[in-house]
PDB file of N, CA and C in Angstrom:
ATOM      1  N   MET A   1      28.000 120.245 214.449  1.00  0.00           N
ATOM      2  CA  MET A   1      28.509 119.209 213.570  1.00  0.00           C
ATOM      3  C   MET A   1      29.325 118.231 214.409  1.00  0.00           C
ATOM      4  N   LYS A   2      29.152 116.953 214.125  1.00  0.00           N
ATOM      5  CA  LYS A   2      29.929 115.937 214.823  1.00  0.00           C
ATOM      6  C   LYS A   2      31.397 116.060 214.435  1.00  0.00           C
ATOM      7  N   LEU A   3      32.256 115.730 215.377  1.00  0.00           N
ATOM      8  CA  LEU A   3      33.692 115.830 215.141  1.00  0.00           C
ATOM      9  C   LEU A   3      34.122 115.017 213.919  1.00  0.00           C
ATOM     10  N   SER A   4      33.608 113.797 213.783  1.00  0.00           N
ATOM     11  CA  SER A   4      33.999 112.966 212.636  1.00  0.00           C
ATOM     12  C   SER A   4      33.600 113.630 211.314  1.00  0.00           C
ATOM     13  N   ASN A   5      32.445 114.264 211.291  1.00  0.00           N
ATOM     14  CA  ASN A   5      32.019 114.962 210.070  1.00  0.00           C
ATOM     15  C   ASN A   5      32.897 116.181 209.793  1.00  0.00           C
ATOM     16  N   ALA A   6      33.320 116.862 210.849  1.00  0.00           N
ATOM     17  CA  ALA A   6      34.212 118.014 210.684  1.00  0.00           C
ATOM     18  C   ALA A   6      35.561 117.556 210.116  1.00  0.00           C
ATOM     19  N   ILE A   7      36.044 116.417 210.586  1.00  0.00           N
ATOM     20  CA  ILE A   7      37.310 115.884 210.076  1.00  0.00           C
ATOM     21  C   ILE A   7      37.157 115.480 208.613  1.00  0.00           C
ATOM     22  N   ARG A   8      36.046 114.828 208.274  1.00  0.00           N
ATOM     23  CA  ARG A   8      35.796 114.463 206.871  1.00  0.00           C
ATOM     24  C   ARG A   8      35.775 115.704 205.983  1.00  0.00           C
ATOM     25  N   LYS A   9      35.095 116.732 206.459  1.00  0.00           N
ATOM     26  CA  LYS A   9      34.996 117.978 205.694  1.00  0.00           C
ATOM     27  C   LYS A   9      36.379 118.569 205.449  1.00  0.00           C
ATOM     28  N   ARG A  10      37.215 118.524 206.471  1.00  0.00           N
ATOM     29  CA  ARG A  10      38.561 119.092 206.353  1.00  0.00           C
ATOM     30  C   ARG A  10      39.439 118.254 205.416  1.00  0.00           C
ATOM     31  N   ILE A  11      39.308 116.940 205.492  1.00  0.00           N
ATOM     32  CA  ILE A  11      40.064 116.075 204.574  1.00  0.00           C
ATOM     33  C   ILE A  11      39.637 116.356 203.132  1.00  0.00           C
ATOM     34  N   LYS A  12      38.335 116.474 202.909  1.00  0.00           N
ATOM     35  CA  LYS A  12      37.840 116.808 201.559  1.00  0.00           C
ATOM     36  C   LYS A  12      38.388 118.145 201.088  1.00  0.00           C
ATOM     37  N   TYR A  13      38.470 119.114 202.002  1.00  0.00           N
ATOM     38  CA  TYR A  13      39.021 120.431 201.667  1.00  0.00           C
ATOM     39  C   TYR A  13      40.457 120.290 201.173  1.00  0.00           C
ATOM     40  N   TYR A  14      41.276 119.548 201.923  1.00  0.00           N
ATOM     41  CA  TYR A  14      42.675 119.411 201.528  1.00  0.00           C
ATOM     42  C   TYR A  14      42.843 118.536 200.290  1.00  0.00           C
ATOM     43  N   LEU A  15      41.978 117.548 200.101  1.00  0.00           N
ATOM     44  CA  LEU A  15      42.036 116.775 198.862  1.00  0.00           C
ATOM     45  C   LEU A  15      41.843 117.706 197.669  1.00  0.00           C
ATOM     46  N   LYS A  16      40.880 118.602 197.788  1.00  0.00           N
ATOM     47  CA  LYS A  16      40.619 119.550 196.703  1.00  0.00           C
ATOM     48  C   LYS A  16      41.775 120.540 196.543  1.00  0.00           C
ATOM     49  N   GLN A  17      42.256 121.086 197.678  1.00  0.00           N
ATOM     50  CA  GLN A  17      43.338 122.069 197.632  1.00  0.00           C
ATOM     51  C   GLN A  17      44.616 121.495 197.018  1.00  0.00           C
ATOM     52  N   LYS A  18      44.889 120.233 197.317  1.00  0.00           N
ATOM     53  CA  LYS A  18      46.120 119.591 196.834  1.00  0.00           C
ATOM     54  C   LYS A  18      45.898 118.842 195.521  1.00  0.00           C
ATOM     55  N   ASP A  19      44.660 118.939 194.980  1.00  0.00           N
ATOM     56  CA  ASP A  19      44.303 118.250 193.746  1.00  0.00           C
ATOM     57  C   ASP A  19      44.649 116.760 193.843  1.00  0.00           C
ATOM     58  N   MET A  20      44.166 116.143 194.917  1.00  0.00           N
ATOM     59  CA  MET A  20      44.432 114.736 195.183  1.00  0.00           C
ATOM     60  C   MET A  20      43.130 113.954 195.242  1.00  0.00           C
ATOM     61  N   LYS A  21      43.229 112.690 194.977  1.00  0.00           N
ATOM     62  CA  LYS A  21      42.146 111.734 195.182  1.00  0.00           C
ATOM     63  C   LYS A  21      42.522 110.900 196.406  1.00  0.00           C
ATOM     64  N   ILE A  22      41.577 110.133 196.906  1.00  0.00           N
ATOM     65  CA  ILE A  22      41.870 109.277 198.071  1.00  0.00           C
ATOM     66  C   ILE A  22      43.023 108.331 197.750  1.00  0.00           C
ATOM     67  N   TRP A  23      43.066 107.816 196.537  1.00  0.00           N
ATOM     68  CA  TRP A  23      44.158 106.921 196.130  1.00  0.00           C
ATOM     69  C   TRP A  23      45.516 107.619 196.277  1.00  0.00           C
ATOM     70  N   ASP A  24      45.604 108.876 195.865  1.00  0.00           N
ATOM     71  CA  ASP A  24      46.851 109.639 195.987  1.00  0.00           C
ATOM     72  C   ASP A  24      47.243 109.797 197.451  1.00  0.00           C
ATOM     73  N   LEU A  25      46.246 110.060 198.287  1.00  0.00           N
ATOM     74  CA  LEU A  25      46.504 110.216 199.715  1.00  0.00           C
ATOM     75  C   LEU A  25      46.997 108.906 200.315  1.00  0.00           C
ATOM     76  N   CYS A  26      46.412 107.806 199.908  1.00  0.00           N
ATOM     77  CA  CYS A  26      46.853 106.491 200.399  1.00  0.00           C
ATOM     78  C   CYS A  26      48.304 106.219 200.008  1.00  0.00           C
ATOM     79  N   LYS A  27      48.646 106.528 198.774  1.00  0.00           N
ATOM     80  CA  LYS A  27      50.020 106.332 198.311  1.00  0.00           C
ATOM     81  C   LYS A  27      50.993 107.221 199.078  1.00  0.00           C
ATOM     82  N   ALA A  28      50.585 108.460 199.369  1.00  0.00           N
ATOM     83  CA  ALA A  28      51.466 109.413 200.055  1.00  0.00           C
ATOM     84  C   ALA A  28      51.653 109.071 201.528  1.00  0.00           C
ATOM     85  N   THR A  29      50.677 108.371 202.111  1.00  0.00           N
ATOM     86  CA  THR A  29      50.714 108.118 203.553  1.00  0.00           C
ATOM     87  C   THR A  29      51.060 106.691 203.925  1.00  0.00           C
ATOM     88  N   GLY A  30      50.805 105.760 203.029  1.00  0.00           N
ATOM     89  CA  GLY A  30      50.987 104.347 203.360  1.00  0.00           C
ATOM     90  C   GLY A  30      49.804 103.767 204.119  1.00  0.00           C
ATOM     91  N   ILE A  31      48.764 104.563 204.315  1.00  0.00           N
ATOM     92  CA  ILE A  31      47.554 104.098 204.985  1.00  0.00           C
ATOM     93  C   ILE A  31      46.733 103.308 203.969  1.00  0.00           C
ATOM     94  N   PRO A  32      46.235 102.138 204.371  1.00  0.00           N
ATOM     95  CA  PRO A  32      45.401 101.375 203.430  1.00  0.00           C
ATOM     96  C   PRO A  32      44.198 102.195 202.959  1.00  0.00           C
ATOM     97  N   CYS A  33      43.900 102.102 201.675  1.00  0.00           N
ATOM     98  CA  CYS A  33      42.760 102.849 201.124  1.00  0.00           C
ATOM     99  C   CYS A  33      41.465 102.462 201.818  1.00  0.00           C
ATOM    100  N   SER A  34      41.362 101.216 202.259  1.00  0.00           N
ATOM    101  CA  SER A  34      40.140 100.784 202.940  1.00  0.00           C
ATOM    102  C   SER A  34      39.938 101.561 204.237  1.00  0.00           C
ATOM    103  N   THR A  35      41.014 101.892 204.926  1.00  0.00           N
ATOM    104  CA  THR A  35      40.915 102.657 206.176  1.00  0.00           C
ATOM    105  C   THR A  35      40.368 104.048 205.903  1.00  0.00           C
ATOM    106  N   ILE A  36      40.950 104.727 204.932  1.00  0.00           N
ATOM    107  CA  ILE A  36      40.514 106.091 204.615  1.00  0.00           C
ATOM    108  C   ILE A  36      39.117 106.080 203.997  1.00  0.00           C
ATOM    109  N   SER A  37      38.872 105.161 203.085  1.00  0.00           N
ATOM    110  CA  SER A  37      37.568 105.097 202.414  1.00  0.00           C
ATOM    111  C   SER A  37      36.444 104.780 203.389  1.00  0.00           C
ATOM    112  N   THR A  38      36.689 103.866 204.315  1.00  0.00           N
ATOM    113  CA  THR A  38      35.672 103.507 205.303  1.00  0.00           C
ATOM    114  C   THR A  38      35.327 104.700 206.174  1.00  0.00           C
ATOM    115  N   PHE A  39      36.329 105.467 206.569  1.00  0.00           N
ATOM    116  CA  PHE A  39      36.074 106.666 207.366  1.00  0.00           C
ATOM    117  C   PHE A  39      35.359 107.726 206.538  1.00  0.00           C
ATOM    118  N   MET A  40      35.841 107.965 205.340  1.00  0.00           N
ATOM    119  CA  MET A  40      35.272 109.028 204.499  1.00  0.00           C
ATOM    120  C   MET A  40      33.826 108.725 204.086  1.00  0.00           C
ATOM    121  N   SER A  41      33.473 107.462 203.972  1.00  0.00           N
ATOM    122  CA  SER A  41      32.105 107.099 203.593  1.00  0.00           C
ATOM    123  C   SER A  41      31.148 107.142 204.777  1.00  0.00           C
ATOM    124  N   GLY A  42      31.693 107.271 205.979  1.00  0.00           N
ATOM    125  CA  GLY A  42      30.847 107.318 207.167  1.00  0.00           C
ATOM    126  C   GLY A  42      30.533 105.950 207.749  1.00  0.00           C
ATOM    127  N   LYS A  43      31.141 104.902 207.193  1.00  0.00           N
ATOM    128  CA  LYS A  43      30.904 103.554 207.723  1.00  0.00           C
ATOM    129  C   LYS A  43      31.513 103.388 209.108  1.00  0.00           C
ATOM    130  N   THR A  44      32.495 104.200 209.405  1.00  0.00           N
ATOM    131  CA  THR A  44      33.063 104.249 210.751  1.00  0.00           C
ATOM    132  C   THR A  44      33.199 105.706 211.159  1.00  0.00           C
ATOM    133  N   GLU A  45      33.052 105.961 212.442  1.00  0.00           N
ATOM    134  CA  GLU A  45      33.162 107.318 212.966  1.00  0.00           C
ATOM    135  C   GLU A  45      34.525 107.559 213.607  1.00  0.00           C
ATOM    136  N   LEU A  46      35.325 106.500 213.714  1.00  0.00           N
ATOM    137  CA  LEU A  46      36.584 106.602 214.439  1.00  0.00           C
ATOM    138  C   LEU A  46      37.773 106.680 213.495  1.00  0.00           C
ATOM    139  N   LEU A  47      38.698 107.561 213.849  1.00  0.00           N
ATOM    140  CA  LEU A  47      39.958 107.690 213.126  1.00  0.00           C
ATOM    141  C   LEU A  47      41.018 107.932 214.185  1.00  0.00           C
ATOM    142  N   LYS A  48      42.002 107.051 214.242  1.00  0.00           N
ATOM    143  CA  LYS A  48      43.050 107.199 215.247  1.00  0.00           C
ATOM    144  C   LYS A  48      43.844 108.467 214.989  1.00  0.00           C
ATOM    145  N   LEU A  49      44.326 109.057 216.068  1.00  0.00           N
ATOM    146  CA  LEU A  49      45.088 110.296 215.952  1.00  0.00           C
ATOM    147  C   LEU A  49      46.359 110.094 215.140  1.00  0.00           C
ATOM    148  N   ASP A  50      47.023 108.955 215.308  1.00  0.00           N
ATOM    149  CA  ASP A  50      48.239 108.723 214.515  1.00  0.00           C
ATOM    150  C   ASP A  50      47.910 108.565 213.029  1.00  0.00           C
ATOM    151  N   THR A  51      46.729 108.041 212.708  1.00  0.00           N
ATOM    152  CA  THR A  51      46.301 107.964 211.316  1.00  0.00           C
ATOM    153  C   THR A  51      46.080 109.364 210.765  1.00  0.00           C
ATOM    154  N   LEU A  52      45.447 110.213 211.565  1.00  0.00           N
ATOM    155  CA  LEU A  52      45.235 111.594 211.134  1.00  0.00           C
ATOM    156  C   LEU A  52      46.566 112.319 210.958  1.00  0.00           C
ATOM    157  N   LEU A  53      47.533 112.037 211.816  1.00  0.00           N
ATOM    158  CA  LEU A  53      48.862 112.630 211.672  1.00  0.00           C
ATOM    159  C   LEU A  53      49.482 112.217 210.337  1.00  0.00           C
ATOM    160  N   HIS A  54      49.350 110.946 209.970  1.00  0.00           N
ATOM    161  CA  HIS A  54      49.885 110.488 208.680  1.00  0.00           C
ATOM    162  C   HIS A  54      49.153 111.150 207.514  1.00  0.00           C
ATOM    163  N   ILE A  55      47.848 111.354 207.665  1.00  0.00           N
ATOM    164  CA  ILE A  55      47.092 112.053 206.627  1.00  0.00           C
ATOM    165  C   ILE A  55      47.631 113.474 206.464  1.00  0.00           C
ATOM    166  N   CYS A  56      47.876 114.137 207.582  1.00  0.00           N
ATOM    167  CA  CYS A  56      48.436 115.492 207.516  1.00  0.00           C
ATOM    168  C   CYS A  56      49.803 115.484 206.841  1.00  0.00           C
ATOM    169  N   GLU A  57      50.618 114.496 207.162  1.00  0.00           N
ATOM    170  CA  GLU A  57      51.929 114.388 206.516  1.00  0.00           C
ATOM    171  C   GLU A  57      51.764 114.190 205.011  1.00  0.00           C
ATOM    172  N   GLY A  58      50.758 113.419 204.613  1.00  0.00           N
ATOM    173  CA  GLY A  58      50.484 113.218 203.184  1.00  0.00           C
ATOM    174  C   GLY A  58      50.093 114.517 202.489  1.00  0.00           C
ATOM    175  N   PHE A  59      49.412 115.394 203.228  1.00  0.00           N
ATOM    176  CA  PHE A  59      49.037 116.702 202.691  1.00  0.00           C
ATOM    177  C   PHE A  59      50.160 117.733 202.861  1.00  0.00           C
ATOM    178  N   GLU A  60      51.223 117.331 203.546  1.00  0.00           N
ATOM    179  CA  GLU A  60      52.360 118.212 203.863  1.00  0.00           C
ATOM    180  C   GLU A  60      51.918 119.413 204.698  1.00  0.00           C
ATOM    181  N   ILE A  61      51.100 119.105 205.717  1.00  0.00           N
ATOM    182  CA  ILE A  61      50.657 120.116 206.679  1.00  0.00           C
ATOM    183  C   ILE A  61      50.841 119.555 208.083  1.00  0.00           C
ATOM    184  N   THR A  62      50.708 120.420 209.082  1.00  0.00           N
ATOM    185  CA  THR A  62      50.794 119.981 210.468  1.00  0.00           C
ATOM    186  C   THR A  62      49.389 119.692 211.001  1.00  0.00           C
ATOM    187  N   LEU A  63      49.328 118.994 212.125  1.00  0.00           N
ATOM    188  CA  LEU A  63      48.039 118.802 212.787  1.00  0.00           C
ATOM    189  C   LEU A  63      47.426 120.147 213.147  1.00  0.00           C
ATOM    190  N   GLY A  64      48.263 121.076 213.562  1.00  0.00           N
ATOM    191  CA  GLY A  64      47.784 122.417 213.901  1.00  0.00           C
ATOM    192  C   GLY A  64      47.109 123.088 212.727  1.00  0.00           C
ATOM    193  N   GLU A  65      47.712 122.973 211.556  1.00  0.00           N
ATOM    194  CA  GLU A  65      47.103 123.548 210.352  1.00  0.00           C
ATOM    195  C   GLU A  65      45.776 122.867 210.036  1.00  0.00           C
ATOM    196  N   PHE A  66      45.738 121.549 210.216  1.00  0.00           N
ATOM    197  CA  PHE A  66      44.522 120.803 209.931  1.00  0.00           C
ATOM    198  C   PHE A  66      43.360 121.297 210.792  1.00  0.00           C
ATOM    199  N   PHE A  67      43.623 121.519 212.071  1.00  0.00           N
ATOM    200  CA  PHE A  67      42.563 121.907 213.000  1.00  0.00           C
ATOM    201  C   PHE A  67      42.323 123.415 213.048  1.00  0.00           C
ATOM    202  N   THR A  68      43.080 124.185 212.256  1.00  0.00           N
ATOM    203  CA  THR A  68      42.871 125.632 212.198  1.00  0.00           C
ATOM    204  C   THR A  68      41.733 125.930 211.228  1.00  0.00           C
ATOM    205  N   ASP A  69      40.532 125.745 211.718  1.00  0.00           N
ATOM    206  CA  ASP A  69      39.340 126.003 210.923  1.00  0.00           C
ATOM    207  C   ASP A  69      38.179 126.195 211.898  1.00  0.00           C
ATOM    208  N   THR A  70      37.314 127.125 211.606  1.00  0.00           N
ATOM    209  CA  THR A  70      36.215 127.421 212.520  1.00  0.00           C
ATOM    210  C   THR A  70      35.239 126.255 212.661  1.00  0.00           C
ATOM    211  N   THR A  71      35.272 125.314 211.741  1.00  0.00           N
ATOM    212  CA  THR A  71      34.422 124.122 211.835  1.00  0.00           C
ATOM    213  C   THR A  71      34.644 123.406 213.164  1.00  0.00           C
ATOM    214  N   PHE A  72      35.887 123.397 213.632  1.00  0.00           N
ATOM    215  CA  PHE A  72      36.209 122.677 214.861  1.00  0.00           C
ATOM    216  C   PHE A  72      35.818 123.450 216.119  1.00  0.00           C
ATOM    217  N   ASP A  73      35.501 124.735 215.991  1.00  0.00           N
ATOM    218  CA  ASP A  73      35.085 125.524 217.147  1.00  0.00           C
ATOM    219  C   ASP A  73      33.762 125.046 217.714  1.00  0.00           C
ATOM    220  N   THR A  74      32.928 124.479 216.877  1.00  0.00           N
ATOM    221  CA  THR A  74      31.603 124.034 217.320  1.00  0.00           C
ATOM    222  C   THR A  74      31.403 122.531 217.162  1.00  0.00           C
ATOM    223  N   ALA A  75      32.476 121.809 216.875  1.00  0.00           N
ATOM    224  CA  ALA A  75      32.370 120.363 216.704  1.00  0.00           C
ATOM    225  C   ALA A  75      31.925 119.717 218.008  1.00  0.00           C
ATOM    226  N   GLU A  76      31.063 118.718 217.864  1.00  0.00           N
ATOM    227  CA  GLU A  76      30.520 118.029 219.028  1.00  0.00           C
ATOM    228  C   GLU A  76      31.025 116.603 219.083  1.00  0.00           C
ATOM    229  N   GLN A  77      31.091 116.094 220.309  1.00  0.00           N
ATOM    230  CA  GLN A  77      31.489 114.724 220.533  1.00  0.00           C
ATOM    231  C   GLN A  77      30.441 113.784 219.971  1.00  0.00           C
ATOM    232  N   GLU A  78      30.896 112.647 219.515  1.00  0.00           N
ATOM    233  CA  GLU A  78      29.964 111.629 219.022  1.00  0.00           C
ATOM    234  C   GLU A  78      29.159 111.103 220.208  1.00  0.00           C
ATOM    235  N   SER A  79      27.891 110.820 219.998  1.00  0.00           N
ATOM    236  CA  SER A  79      27.080 110.262 221.080  1.00  0.00           C
ATOM    237  C   SER A  79      27.210 108.754 221.057  1.00  0.00           C
ATOM    238  N   ASN A  80      27.290 108.167 222.242  1.00  0.00           N
ATOM    239  CA  ASN A  80      27.372 106.712 222.368  1.00  0.00           C
ATOM    240  C   ASN A  80      25.970 106.168 222.562  1.00  0.00           C
ATOM    241  N   LYS A  81      25.485 105.476 221.573  1.00  0.00           N
ATOM    242  CA  LYS A  81      24.150 104.872 221.661  1.00  0.00           C
ATOM    243  C   LYS A  81      24.298 103.407 221.944  1.00  0.00           C
ATOM    244  N   ASP A  82      23.716 102.970 223.016  1.00  0.00           N
ATOM    245  CA  ASP A  82      23.798 101.538 223.379  1.00  0.00           C
ATOM    246  C   ASP A  82      22.523 100.829 223.039  1.00  0.00           C
TER     247      ASP A  82
END
């Protein structure tokens, strides 16, 4: 699984666990909804680490907790197609 897809999967997991919608996450983090929505829809594969840190803060978890999942054990780097 590509790393970006693994991150999307994990964000969806925490949205469900915290009974949140993307709008709730945007309000909790201050991140524009367009940033999160564009990433979650797959229109972009990139998410800055500081953005992910804010997402974790919105979920009230640490980055360590976020990445504590076997999905990341086999995550692959995105391929650069020119």
